[in-house]
């Protein structure tokens, strides 16, 4: 059972990285000049990293979110990643990403 919990933790970490990749990818797909696309991609990633560092980082969050606030943070964070993929035209990938997050969250609640 412990191996499955570890695999689920790895999945969450990969999903966290996926959010950052999705936001950056979305920024680069905008129909505007290259410098503005790069600025939006980097800026979007910076905003997401800052929010996660302040409220969501497992052991090092400055103001760790708990309970319903943690749930809202995760829905916003991972939902933002899925939304970024959808806005970039990767709808199937966005759905897969959202489903993986839901499975991951359900398993974490089950094992808690």
PDB file of N, CA and C in Angstrom:
ATOM      1  N   UNK A   1       0.825  -1.193   0.000  1.00  0.00           N
ATOM      2  CA  UNK A   1       0.000   0.000   0.000  1.00  0.00           C
ATOM      3  C   UNK A   1       0.871   1.260   0.000  1.00  0.00           C
ATOM      4  N   UNK A   2       1.977   1.201   0.735  1.00  0.00           N
ATOM      5  CA  UNK A   2       2.867   2.356   0.819  1.00  0.00           C
ATOM      6  C   UNK A   2       3.422   2.719  -0.563  1.00  0.00           C
ATOM      7  N   UNK A   3       3.680   1.715  -1.387  1.00  0.00           N
ATOM      8  CA  UNK A   3       4.192   1.967  -2.731  1.00  0.00           C
ATOM      9  C   UNK A   3       3.173   2.749  -3.563  1.00  0.00           C
ATOM     10  N   UNK A   4       1.888   2.452  -3.393  1.00  0.00           N
ATOM     11  CA  UNK A   4       0.849   3.180  -4.117  1.00  0.00           C
ATOM     12  C   UNK A   4       0.752   4.625  -3.639  1.00  0.00           C
ATOM     13  N   UNK A   5       0.898   4.824  -2.334  1.00  0.00           N
ATOM     14  CA  UNK A   5       0.881   6.190  -1.802  1.00  0.00           C
ATOM     15  C   UNK A   5       2.062   6.990  -2.345  1.00  0.00           C
ATOM     16  N   UNK A   6       3.226   6.349  -2.414  1.00  0.00           N
ATOM     17  CA  UNK A   6       4.403   7.023  -2.966  1.00  0.00           C
ATOM     18  C   UNK A   6       4.207   7.340  -4.445  1.00  0.00           C
ATOM     19  N   UNK A   7       3.609   6.417  -5.177  1.00  0.00           N
ATOM     20  CA  UNK A   7       3.331   6.651  -6.601  1.00  0.00           C
ATOM     21  C   UNK A   7       2.352   7.811  -6.764  1.00  0.00           C
ATOM     22  N   UNK A   8       1.373   7.917  -5.876  1.00  0.00           N
ATOM     23  CA  UNK A   8       0.414   9.011  -5.934  1.00  0.00           C
ATOM     24  C   UNK A   8       1.082  10.344  -5.600  1.00  0.00           C
ATOM     25  N   UNK A   9       2.032  10.313  -4.665  1.00  0.00           N
ATOM     26  CA  UNK A   9       2.790  11.530  -4.348  1.00  0.00           C
ATOM     27  C   UNK A   9       3.616  11.969  -5.547  1.00  0.00           C
ATOM     28  N   UNK A  10       4.212  11.009  -6.230  1.00  0.00           N
ATOM     29  CA  UNK A  10       4.967  11.319  -7.442  1.00  0.00           C
ATOM     30  C   UNK A  10       4.046  11.905  -8.503  1.00  0.00           C
ATOM     31  N   UNK A  11       2.859  11.334  -8.648  1.00  0.00           N
ATOM     32  CA  UNK A  11       1.889  11.862  -9.607  1.00  0.00           C
ATOM     33  C   UNK A  11       1.551  13.308  -9.276  1.00  0.00           C
ATOM     34  N   UNK A  12       1.342  13.615  -8.003  1.00  0.00           N
ATOM     35  CA  UNK A  12       1.011  14.997  -7.634  1.00  0.00           C
ATOM     36  C   UNK A  12       2.158  15.935  -8.000  1.00  0.00           C
ATOM     37  N   UNK A  13       3.390  15.524  -7.732  1.00  0.00           N
ATOM     38  CA  UNK A  13       4.531  16.357  -8.084  1.00  0.00           C
ATOM     39  C   UNK A  13       4.585  16.589  -9.594  1.00  0.00           C
ATOM     40  N   UNK A  14       4.360  15.534 -10.366  1.00  0.00           N
ATOM     41  CA  UNK A  14       4.374  15.674 -11.820  1.00  0.00           C
ATOM     42  C   UNK A  14       3.227  16.565 -12.302  1.00  0.00           C
ATOM     43  N   UNK A  15       2.074  16.464 -11.647  1.00  0.00           N
ATOM     44  CA  UNK A  15       0.961  17.349 -11.990  1.00  0.00           C
ATOM     45  C   UNK A  15       1.296  18.807 -11.658  1.00  0.00           C
ATOM     46  N   UNK A  16       1.988  19.032 -10.554  1.00  0.00           N
ATOM     47  CA  UNK A  16       2.415  20.389 -10.195  1.00  0.00           C
ATOM     48  C   UNK A  16       3.313  20.964 -11.280  1.00  0.00           C
ATOM     49  N   UNK A  17       4.272  20.161 -11.729  1.00  0.00           N
ATOM     50  CA  UNK A  17       5.141  20.606 -12.826  1.00  0.00           C
ATOM     51  C   UNK A  17       4.342  20.805 -14.106  1.00  0.00           C
ATOM     52  N   UNK A  18       3.343  19.937 -14.303  1.00  0.00           N
ATOM     53  CA  UNK A  18       2.487  20.045 -15.479  1.00  0.00           C
ATOM     54  C   UNK A  18       1.713  21.347 -15.526  1.00  0.00           C
ATOM     55  N   UNK A  19       1.291  21.826 -14.362  1.00  0.00           N
ATOM     56  CA  UNK A  19       0.595  23.115 -14.314  1.00  0.00           C
ATOM     57  C   UNK A  19       1.508  24.217 -14.845  1.00  0.00           C
ATOM     58  N   UNK A  20       2.740  24.229 -14.371  1.00  0.00           N
ATOM     59  CA  UNK A  20       3.678  25.265 -14.815  1.00  0.00           C
ATOM     60  C   UNK A  20       3.947  25.159 -16.311  1.00  0.00           C
ATOM     61  N   UNK A  21       4.115  23.936 -16.798  1.00  0.00           N
ATOM     62  CA  UNK A  21       4.336  23.728 -18.232  1.00  0.00           C
ATOM     63  C   UNK A  21       3.116  24.180 -19.032  1.00  0.00           C
ATOM     64  N   UNK A  22       1.931  23.867 -18.539  1.00  0.00           N
ATOM     65  CA  UNK A  22       0.699  24.231 -19.246  1.00  0.00           C
ATOM     66  C   UNK A  22       0.532  25.744 -19.326  1.00  0.00           C
ATOM     67  N   UNK A  23       0.800  26.427 -18.225  1.00  0.00           N
ATOM     68  CA  UNK A  23       0.667  27.888 -18.211  1.00  0.00           C
ATOM     69  C   UNK A  23       1.688  28.522 -19.157  1.00  0.00           C
ATOM     70  N   UNK A  24       2.914  28.019 -19.128  1.00  0.00           N
ATOM     71  CA  UNK A  24       3.925  28.532 -20.042  1.00  0.00           C
ATOM     72  C   UNK A  24       3.565  28.258 -21.497  1.00  0.00           C
ATOM     73  N   UNK A  25       3.085  27.062 -21.759  1.00  0.00           N
ATOM     74  CA  UNK A  25       2.689  26.693 -23.117  1.00  0.00           C
ATOM     75  C   UNK A  25       1.553  27.587 -23.602  1.00  0.00           C
ATOM     76  N   UNK A  26       0.560  27.794 -22.739  1.00  0.00           N
ATOM     77  CA  UNK A  26      -0.562  28.663 -23.115  1.00  0.00           C
ATOM     78  C   UNK A  26      -0.052  30.048 -23.494  1.00  0.00           C
ATOM     79  N   UNK A  27       0.834  30.607 -22.680  1.00  0.00           N
ATOM     80  CA  UNK A  27       1.356  31.939 -22.974  1.00  0.00           C
ATOM     81  C   UNK A  27       2.039  32.004 -24.335  1.00  0.00           C
ATOM     82  N   UNK A  28       2.735  30.935 -24.671  1.00  0.00           N
ATOM     83  CA  UNK A  28       3.454  30.914 -25.947  1.00  0.00           C
ATOM     84  C   UNK A  28       2.546  30.698 -27.150  1.00  0.00           C
ATOM     85  N   UNK A  29       1.293  30.288 -26.920  1.00  0.00           N
ATOM     86  CA  UNK A  29       0.368  30.066 -28.043  1.00  0.00           C
ATOM     87  C   UNK A  29      -0.498  31.279 -28.353  1.00  0.00           C
ATOM     88  N   UNK A  30      -0.358  32.339 -27.594  1.00  0.00           N
ATOM     89  CA  UNK A  30      -1.179  33.528 -27.830  1.00  0.00           C
ATOM     90  C   UNK A  30      -0.869  34.130 -29.199  1.00  0.00           C
ATOM     91  N   UNK A  31      -1.886  34.728 -29.804  1.00  0.00           N
ATOM     92  CA  UNK A  31      -1.725  35.332 -31.131  1.00  0.00           C
ATOM     93  C   UNK A  31      -1.271  36.775 -30.971  1.00  0.00           C
ATOM     94  N   UNK A  32      -0.012  36.945 -30.624  1.00  0.00           N
ATOM     95  CA  UNK A  32       0.557  38.274 -30.438  1.00  0.00           C
ATOM     96  C   UNK A  32       2.048  38.198 -30.760  1.00  0.00           C
ATOM     97  N   UNK A  33       2.749  39.246 -30.512  1.00  0.00           N
ATOM     98  CA  UNK A  33       4.184  39.257 -30.830  1.00  0.00           C
ATOM     99  C   UNK A  33       4.954  38.287 -29.935  1.00  0.00           C
ATOM    100  N   UNK A  34       6.094  37.860 -30.425  1.00  0.00           N
ATOM    101  CA  UNK A  34       6.897  36.882 -29.698  1.00  0.00           C
ATOM    102  C   UNK A  34       7.291  37.383 -28.319  1.00  0.00           C
ATOM    103  N   UNK A  35       7.724  38.631 -28.224  1.00  0.00           N
ATOM    104  CA  UNK A  35       8.169  39.140 -26.922  1.00  0.00           C
ATOM    105  C   UNK A  35       7.023  39.172 -25.923  1.00  0.00           C
ATOM    106  N   UNK A  36       5.820  39.475 -26.367  1.00  0.00           N
ATOM    107  CA  UNK A  36       4.674  39.490 -25.465  1.00  0.00           C
ATOM    108  C   UNK A  36       4.272  38.069 -25.068  1.00  0.00           C
ATOM    109  N   UNK A  37       4.361  37.126 -25.997  1.00  0.00           N
ATOM    110  CA  UNK A  37       4.081  35.720 -25.663  1.00  0.00           C
ATOM    111  C   UNK A  37       5.053  35.215 -24.604  1.00  0.00           C
ATOM    112  N   UNK A  38       6.324  35.535 -24.751  1.00  0.00           N
ATOM    113  CA  UNK A  38       7.327  35.122 -23.768  1.00  0.00           C
ATOM    114  C   UNK A  38       7.052  35.788 -22.427  1.00  0.00           C
ATOM    115  N   UNK A  39       6.715  37.062 -22.457  1.00  0.00           N
ATOM    116  CA  UNK A  39       6.409  37.791 -21.220  1.00  0.00           C
ATOM    117  C   UNK A  39       5.211  37.180 -20.492  1.00  0.00           C
ATOM    118  N   UNK A  40       4.158  36.855 -21.218  1.00  0.00           N
ATOM    119  CA  UNK A  40       2.969  36.248 -20.612  1.00  0.00           C
ATOM    120  C   UNK A  40       3.292  34.853 -20.084  1.00  0.00           C
ATOM    121  N   UNK A  41       4.061  34.085 -20.830  1.00  0.00           N
ATOM    122  CA  UNK A  41       4.431  32.733 -20.389  1.00  0.00           C
ATOM    123  C   UNK A  41       5.237  32.793 -19.095  1.00  0.00           C
ATOM    124  N   UNK A  42       6.269  33.597 -19.080  1.00  0.00           N
ATOM    125  CA  UNK A  42       7.124  33.706 -17.890  1.00  0.00           C
ATOM    126  C   UNK A  42       6.351  34.337 -16.733  1.00  0.00           C
ATOM    127  N   UNK A  43       5.574  35.360 -17.025  1.00  0.00           N
ATOM    128  CA  UNK A  43       4.778  36.013 -15.980  1.00  0.00           C
ATOM    129  C   UNK A  43       3.730  35.084 -15.386  1.00  0.00           C
ATOM    130  N   UNK A  44       3.073  34.305 -16.236  1.00  0.00           N
ATOM    131  CA  UNK A  44       2.083  33.348 -15.752  1.00  0.00           C
ATOM    132  C   UNK A  44       2.708  32.300 -14.851  1.00  0.00           C
ATOM    133  N   UNK A  45       3.848  31.785 -15.271  1.00  0.00           N
ATOM    134  CA  UNK A  45       4.561  30.808 -14.449  1.00  0.00           C
ATOM    135  C   UNK A  45       4.960  31.442 -13.117  1.00  0.00           C
ATOM    136  N   UNK A  46       5.449  32.678 -13.159  1.00  0.00           N
ATOM    137  CA  UNK A  46       5.862  33.358 -11.926  1.00  0.00           C
ATOM    138  C   UNK A  46       4.695  33.530 -10.957  1.00  0.00           C
ATOM    139  N   UNK A  47       3.530  33.872 -11.474  1.00  0.00           N
ATOM    140  CA  UNK A  47       2.344  34.028 -10.616  1.00  0.00           C
ATOM    141  C   UNK A  47       1.976  32.691  -9.982  1.00  0.00           C
ATOM    142  N   UNK A  48       1.946  31.638 -10.772  1.00  0.00           N
ATOM    143  CA  UNK A  48       1.585  30.321 -10.237  1.00  0.00           C
ATOM    144  C   UNK A  48       2.610  29.831  -9.214  1.00  0.00           C
ATOM    145  N   UNK A  49       3.897  30.022  -9.499  1.00  0.00           N
ATOM    146  CA  UNK A  49       4.936  29.608  -8.555  1.00  0.00           C
ATOM    147  C   UNK A  49       4.799  30.376  -7.247  1.00  0.00           C
ATOM    148  N   UNK A  50       4.535  31.671  -7.331  1.00  0.00           N
ATOM    149  CA  UNK A  50       4.402  32.492  -6.125  1.00  0.00           C
ATOM    150  C   UNK A  50       3.225  32.040  -5.273  1.00  0.00           C
ATOM    151  N   UNK A  51       2.087  31.808  -5.898  1.00  0.00           N
ATOM    152  CA  UNK A  51       0.907  31.355  -5.160  1.00  0.00           C
ATOM    153  C   UNK A  51       1.182  30.017  -4.492  1.00  0.00           C
ATOM    154  N   UNK A  52       1.800  29.093  -5.219  1.00  0.00           N
ATOM    155  CA  UNK A  52       2.076  27.766  -4.652  1.00  0.00           C
ATOM    156  C   UNK A  52       3.082  27.860  -3.507  1.00  0.00           C
ATOM    157  N   UNK A  53       4.101  28.686  -3.678  1.00  0.00           N
ATOM    158  CA  UNK A  53       5.117  28.838  -2.623  1.00  0.00           C
ATOM    159  C   UNK A  53       4.511  29.447  -1.365  1.00  0.00           C
ATOM    160  N   UNK A  54       3.604  30.381  -1.533  1.00  0.00           N
ATOM    161  CA  UNK A  54       2.995  31.033  -0.375  1.00  0.00           C
ATOM    162  C   UNK A  54       2.004  30.132   0.351  1.00  0.00           C
ATOM    163  N   UNK A  55       1.206  29.377  -0.397  1.00  0.00           N
ATOM    164  CA  UNK A  55       0.086  28.675   0.226  1.00  0.00           C
ATOM    165  C   UNK A  55       0.070  27.152   0.052  1.00  0.00           C
ATOM    166  N   UNK A  56       0.763  26.619  -0.952  1.00  0.00           N
ATOM    167  CA  UNK A  56       0.565  25.212  -1.268  1.00  0.00           C
ATOM    168  C   UNK A  56       1.739  24.285  -1.102  1.00  0.00           C
ATOM    169  N   UNK A  57       2.959  24.809  -1.057  1.00  0.00           N
ATOM    170  CA  UNK A  57       4.138  23.934  -0.978  1.00  0.00           C
ATOM    171  C   UNK A  57       4.045  23.040   0.254  1.00  0.00           C
ATOM    172  N   UNK A  58       4.278  21.762   0.040  1.00  0.00           N
ATOM    173  CA  UNK A  58       4.032  20.740   1.072  1.00  0.00           C
ATOM    174  C   UNK A  58       4.589  21.104   2.439  1.00  0.00           C
ATOM    175  N   UNK A  59       5.872  21.281   2.556  1.00  0.00           N
ATOM    176  CA  UNK A  59       6.468  21.510   3.878  1.00  0.00           C
ATOM    177  C   UNK A  59       6.959  22.939   4.052  1.00  0.00           C
ATOM    178  N   UNK A  60       7.034  23.687   2.983  1.00  0.00           N
ATOM    179  CA  UNK A  60       7.680  24.992   3.049  1.00  0.00           C
ATOM    180  C   UNK A  60       6.774  26.169   2.726  1.00  0.00           C
ATOM    181  N   UNK A  61       5.470  25.997   2.699  1.00  0.00           N
ATOM    182  CA  UNK A  61       4.580  27.113   2.384  1.00  0.00           C
ATOM    183  C   UNK A  61       4.684  28.186   3.461  1.00  0.00           C
ATOM    184  N   UNK A  62       4.726  29.439   3.031  1.00  0.00           N
ATOM    185  CA  UNK A  62       4.802  30.546   3.975  1.00  0.00           C
ATOM    186  C   UNK A  62       3.535  30.619   4.815  1.00  0.00           C
ATOM    187  N   UNK A  63       2.394  30.479   4.183  1.00  0.00           N
ATOM    188  CA  UNK A  63       1.088  30.494   4.855  1.00  0.00           C
ATOM    189  C   UNK A  63       0.321  29.251   4.405  1.00  0.00           C
ATOM    190  N   UNK A  64       0.600  28.095   4.985  1.00  0.00           N
ATOM    191  CA  UNK A  64      -0.001  26.852   4.482  1.00  0.00           C
ATOM    192  C   UNK A  64      -1.534  26.871   4.538  1.00  0.00           C
ATOM    193  N   UNK A  65      -2.136  26.578   3.405  1.00  0.00           N
ATOM    194  CA  UNK A  65      -3.598  26.484   3.334  1.00  0.00           C
ATOM    195  C   UNK A  65      -4.028  25.134   3.886  1.00  0.00           C
ATOM    196  N   UNK A  66      -5.101  25.138   4.654  1.00  0.00           N
ATOM    197  CA  UNK A  66      -5.618  23.904   5.245  1.00  0.00           C
ATOM    198  C   UNK A  66      -7.121  23.813   5.038  1.00  0.00           C
ATOM    199  N   UNK A  67      -7.621  22.604   5.124  1.00  0.00           N
ATOM    200  CA  UNK A  67      -9.065  22.372   5.045  1.00  0.00           C
ATOM    201  C   UNK A  67      -9.652  22.829   3.726  1.00  0.00           C
ATOM    202  N   UNK A  68     -10.755  23.546   3.819  1.00  0.00           N
ATOM    203  CA  UNK A  68     -11.477  23.998   2.627  1.00  0.00           C
ATOM    204  C   UNK A  68     -10.624  24.948   1.799  1.00  0.00           C
ATOM    205  N   UNK A  69      -9.747  25.712   2.450  1.00  0.00           N
ATOM    206  CA  UNK A  69      -8.872  26.635   1.730  1.00  0.00           C
ATOM    207  C   UNK A  69      -7.853  25.875   0.895  1.00  0.00           C
ATOM    208  N   UNK A  70      -7.387  24.747   1.434  1.00  0.00           N
ATOM    209  CA  UNK A  70      -6.451  23.911   0.669  1.00  0.00           C
ATOM    210  C   UNK A  70      -7.157  23.320  -0.550  1.00  0.00           C
ATOM    211  N   UNK A  71      -8.389  22.871  -0.346  1.00  0.00           N
ATOM    212  CA  UNK A  71      -9.161  22.321  -1.464  1.00  0.00           C
ATOM    213  C   UNK A  71      -9.371  23.384  -2.540  1.00  0.00           C
ATOM    214  N   UNK A  72      -9.720  24.606  -2.127  1.00  0.00           N
ATOM    215  CA  UNK A  72      -9.930  25.693  -3.085  1.00  0.00           C
ATOM    216  C   UNK A  72      -8.630  26.026  -3.824  1.00  0.00           C
ATOM    217  N   UNK A  73      -7.517  26.037  -3.087  1.00  0.00           N
ATOM    218  CA  UNK A  73      -6.223  26.308  -3.706  1.00  0.00           C
ATOM    219  C   UNK A  73      -5.901  25.258  -4.758  1.00  0.00           C
ATOM    220  N   UNK A  74      -6.057  23.992  -4.404  1.00  0.00           N
ATOM    221  CA  UNK A  74      -5.732  22.922  -5.349  1.00  0.00           C
ATOM    222  C   UNK A  74      -6.655  22.944  -6.564  1.00  0.00           C
ATOM    223  N   UNK A  75      -7.930  23.194  -6.345  1.00  0.00           N
ATOM    224  CA  UNK A  75      -8.862  23.259  -7.482  1.00  0.00           C
ATOM    225  C   UNK A  75      -8.475  24.418  -8.396  1.00  0.00           C
ATOM    226  N   UNK A  76      -8.138  25.559  -7.811  1.00  0.00           N
ATOM    227  CA  UNK A  76      -7.710  26.698  -8.612  1.00  0.00           C
ATOM    228  C   UNK A  76      -6.391  26.451  -9.324  1.00  0.00           C
ATOM    229  N   UNK A  77      -5.447  25.859  -8.605  1.00  0.00           N
ATOM    230  CA  UNK A  77      -4.114  25.596  -9.162  1.00  0.00           C
ATOM    231  C   UNK A  77      -4.168  24.592 -10.311  1.00  0.00           C
ATOM    232  N   UNK A  78      -4.697  23.402 -10.020  1.00  0.00           N
ATOM    233  CA  UNK A  78      -4.732  22.354 -11.042  1.00  0.00           C
ATOM    234  C   UNK A  78      -5.787  22.652 -12.102  1.00  0.00           C
ATOM    235  N   UNK A  79      -6.885  23.289 -11.697  1.00  0.00           N
ATOM    236  CA  UNK A  79      -7.882  23.727 -12.666  1.00  0.00           C
ATOM    237  C   UNK A  79      -7.309  24.777 -13.600  1.00  0.00           C
ATOM    238  N   UNK A  80      -6.432  25.622 -13.056  1.00  0.00           N
ATOM    239  CA  UNK A  80      -5.756  26.615 -13.897  1.00  0.00           C
ATOM    240  C   UNK A  80      -4.878  25.954 -14.949  1.00  0.00           C
ATOM    241  N   UNK A  81      -4.218  24.884 -14.560  1.00  0.00           N
ATOM    242  CA  UNK A  81      -3.403  24.146 -15.527  1.00  0.00           C
ATOM    243  C   UNK A  81      -4.253  23.533 -16.624  1.00  0.00           C
ATOM    244  N   UNK A  82      -5.358  22.915 -16.223  1.00  0.00           N
ATOM    245  CA  UNK A  82      -6.260  22.310 -17.213  1.00  0.00           C
ATOM    246  C   UNK A  82      -6.871  23.385 -18.111  1.00  0.00           C
ATOM    247  N   UNK A  83      -7.236  24.503 -17.529  1.00  0.00           N
ATOM    248  CA  UNK A  83      -7.808  25.603 -18.308  1.00  0.00           C
ATOM    249  C   UNK A  83      -6.788  26.156 -19.299  1.00  0.00           C
ATOM    250  N   UNK A  84      -5.547  26.291 -18.855  1.00  0.00           N
ATOM    251  CA  UNK A  84      -4.496  26.784 -19.756  1.00  0.00           C
ATOM    252  C   UNK A  84      -4.340  25.853 -20.951  1.00  0.00           C
ATOM    253  N   UNK A  85      -4.363  24.552 -20.697  1.00  0.00           N
ATOM    254  CA  UNK A  85      -4.272  23.594 -21.808  1.00  0.00           C
ATOM    255  C   UNK A  85      -5.459  23.733 -22.747  1.00  0.00           C
ATOM    256  N   UNK A  86      -6.650  23.877 -22.188  1.00  0.00           N
ATOM    257  CA  UNK A  86      -7.844  24.021 -23.027  1.00  0.00           C
ATOM    258  C   UNK A  86      -7.775  25.301 -23.858  1.00  0.00           C
ATOM    259  N   UNK A  87      -7.341  26.394 -23.244  1.00  0.00           N
ATOM    260  CA  UNK A  87      -7.236  27.661 -23.976  1.00  0.00           C
ATOM    261  C   UNK A  87      -6.167  27.612 -25.057  1.00  0.00           C
ATOM    262  N   UNK A  88      -5.181  26.746 -24.872  1.00  0.00           N
ATOM    263  CA  UNK A  88      -4.134  26.579 -25.879  1.00  0.00           C
ATOM    264  C   UNK A  88      -4.558  25.613 -26.979  1.00  0.00           C
ATOM    265  N   UNK A  89      -5.797  25.122 -26.906  1.00  0.00           N
ATOM    266  CA  UNK A  89      -6.307  24.237 -27.942  1.00  0.00           C
ATOM    267  C   UNK A  89      -6.031  22.761 -27.697  1.00  0.00           C
ATOM    268  N   UNK A  90      -5.576  22.408 -26.520  1.00  0.00           N
ATOM    269  CA  UNK A  90      -5.263  21.015 -26.171  1.00  0.00           C
ATOM    270  C   UNK A  90      -6.348  20.453 -25.258  1.00  0.00           C
ATOM    271  N   UNK A  91      -7.571  20.391 -25.772  1.00  0.00           N
ATOM    272  CA  UNK A  91      -8.727  20.006 -24.973  1.00  0.00           C
ATOM    273  C   UNK A  91      -8.612  18.589 -24.426  1.00  0.00           C
ATOM    274  N   UNK A  92      -8.222  17.646 -25.245  1.00  0.00           N
ATOM    275  CA  UNK A  92      -8.091  16.259 -24.773  1.00  0.00           C
ATOM    276  C   UNK A  92      -7.068  16.173 -23.654  1.00  0.00           C
ATOM    277  N   UNK A  93      -5.942  16.819 -23.829  1.00  0.00           N
ATOM    278  CA  UNK A  93      -4.908  16.829 -22.797  1.00  0.00           C
ATOM    279  C   UNK A  93      -5.412  17.513 -21.527  1.00  0.00           C
ATOM    280  N   UNK A  94      -6.211  18.558 -21.681  1.00  0.00           N
ATOM    281  CA  UNK A  94      -6.787  19.252 -20.529  1.00  0.00           C
ATOM    282  C   UNK A  94      -7.711  18.323 -19.740  1.00  0.00           C
ATOM    283  N   UNK A  95      -8.516  17.547 -20.433  1.00  0.00           N
ATOM    284  CA  UNK A  95      -9.425  16.607 -19.765  1.00  0.00           C
ATOM    285  C   UNK A  95      -8.630  15.517 -19.060  1.00  0.00           C
ATOM    286  N   UNK A  96      -7.619  14.988 -19.716  1.00  0.00           N
ATOM    287  CA  UNK A  96      -6.779  13.966 -19.093  1.00  0.00           C
ATOM    288  C   UNK A  96      -6.111  14.525 -17.842  1.00  0.00           C
ATOM    289  N   UNK A  97      -5.606  15.736 -17.935  1.00  0.00           N
ATOM    290  CA  UNK A  97      -4.955  16.386 -16.801  1.00  0.00           C
ATOM    291  C   UNK A  97      -5.934  16.531 -15.635  1.00  0.00           C
ATOM    292  N   UNK A  98      -7.144  17.002 -15.927  1.00  0.00           N
ATOM    293  CA  UNK A  98      -8.152  17.189 -14.877  1.00  0.00           C
ATOM    294  C   UNK A  98      -8.539  15.858 -14.236  1.00  0.00           C
ATOM    295  N   UNK A  99      -8.705  14.827 -15.044  1.00  0.00           N
ATOM    296  CA  UNK A  99      -9.063  13.509 -14.512  1.00  0.00           C
ATOM    297  C   UNK A  99      -7.943  12.961 -13.631  1.00  0.00           C
ATOM    298  N   UNK A 100      -6.699  13.124 -14.044  1.00  0.00           N
ATOM    299  CA  UNK A 100      -5.574  12.674 -13.215  1.00  0.00           C
ATOM    300  C   UNK A 100      -5.542  13.409 -11.877  1.00  0.00           C
ATOM    301  N   UNK A 101      -5.831  14.716 -11.910  1.00  0.00           N
ATOM    302  CA  UNK A 101      -5.885  15.469 -10.657  1.00  0.00           C
ATOM    303  C   UNK A 101      -7.001  14.942  -9.752  1.00  0.00           C
ATOM    304  N   UNK A 102      -8.172  14.693 -10.309  1.00  0.00           N
ATOM    305  CA  UNK A 102      -9.301  14.207  -9.511  1.00  0.00           C
ATOM    306  C   UNK A 102      -8.966  12.857  -8.885  1.00  0.00           C
ATOM    307  N   UNK A 103      -8.377  11.971  -9.659  1.00  0.00           N
ATOM    308  CA  UNK A 103      -7.976  10.665  -9.120  1.00  0.00           C
ATOM    309  C   UNK A 103      -6.946  10.840  -8.018  1.00  0.00           C
ATOM    310  N   UNK A 104      -5.959  11.695  -8.267  1.00  0.00           N
ATOM    311  CA  UNK A 104      -4.911  11.948  -7.285  1.00  0.00           C
ATOM    312  C   UNK A 104      -5.497  12.500  -5.987  1.00  0.00           C
ATOM    313  N   UNK A 105      -6.376  13.482  -6.101  1.00  0.00           N
ATOM    314  CA  UNK A 105      -6.982  14.088  -4.912  1.00  0.00           C
ATOM    315  C   UNK A 105      -7.841  13.089  -4.164  1.00  0.00           C
ATOM    316  N   UNK A 106      -8.606  12.289  -4.888  1.00  0.00           N
ATOM    317  CA  UNK A 106      -9.464  11.283  -4.233  1.00  0.00           C
ATOM    318  C   UNK A 106      -8.621  10.272  -3.481  1.00  0.00           C
ATOM    319  N   UNK A 107      -7.536   9.832  -4.070  1.00  0.00           N
ATOM    320  CA  UNK A 107      -6.660   8.871  -3.385  1.00  0.00           C
ATOM    321  C   UNK A 107      -6.000   9.489  -2.152  1.00  0.00           C
ATOM    322  N   UNK A 108      -5.606  10.757  -2.248  1.00  0.00           N
ATOM    323  CA  UNK A 108      -5.014  11.414  -1.077  1.00  0.00           C
ATOM    324  C   UNK A 108      -6.034  11.534   0.057  1.00  0.00           C
ATOM    325  N   UNK A 109      -7.268  11.843  -0.290  1.00  0.00           N
ATOM    326  CA  UNK A 109      -8.318  11.910   0.747  1.00  0.00           C
ATOM    327  C   UNK A 109      -8.580  10.535   1.341  1.00  0.00           C
ATOM    328  N   UNK A 110      -8.582   9.520   0.509  1.00  0.00           N
ATOM    329  CA  UNK A 110      -8.828   8.156   0.977  1.00  0.00           C
ATOM    330  C   UNK A 110      -7.754   7.701   1.968  1.00  0.00           C
ATOM    331  N   UNK A 111      -6.491   8.014   1.660  1.00  0.00           N
ATOM    332  CA  UNK A 111      -5.387   7.559   2.503  1.00  0.00           C
ATOM    333  C   UNK A 111      -5.148   8.456   3.710  1.00  0.00           C
ATOM    334  N   UNK A 112      -5.801   9.592   3.781  1.00  0.00           N
ATOM    335  CA  UNK A 112      -5.584  10.524   4.887  1.00  0.00           C
ATOM    336  C   UNK A 112      -6.188  10.044   6.174  1.00  0.00           C
TER     337      UNK A 112
END
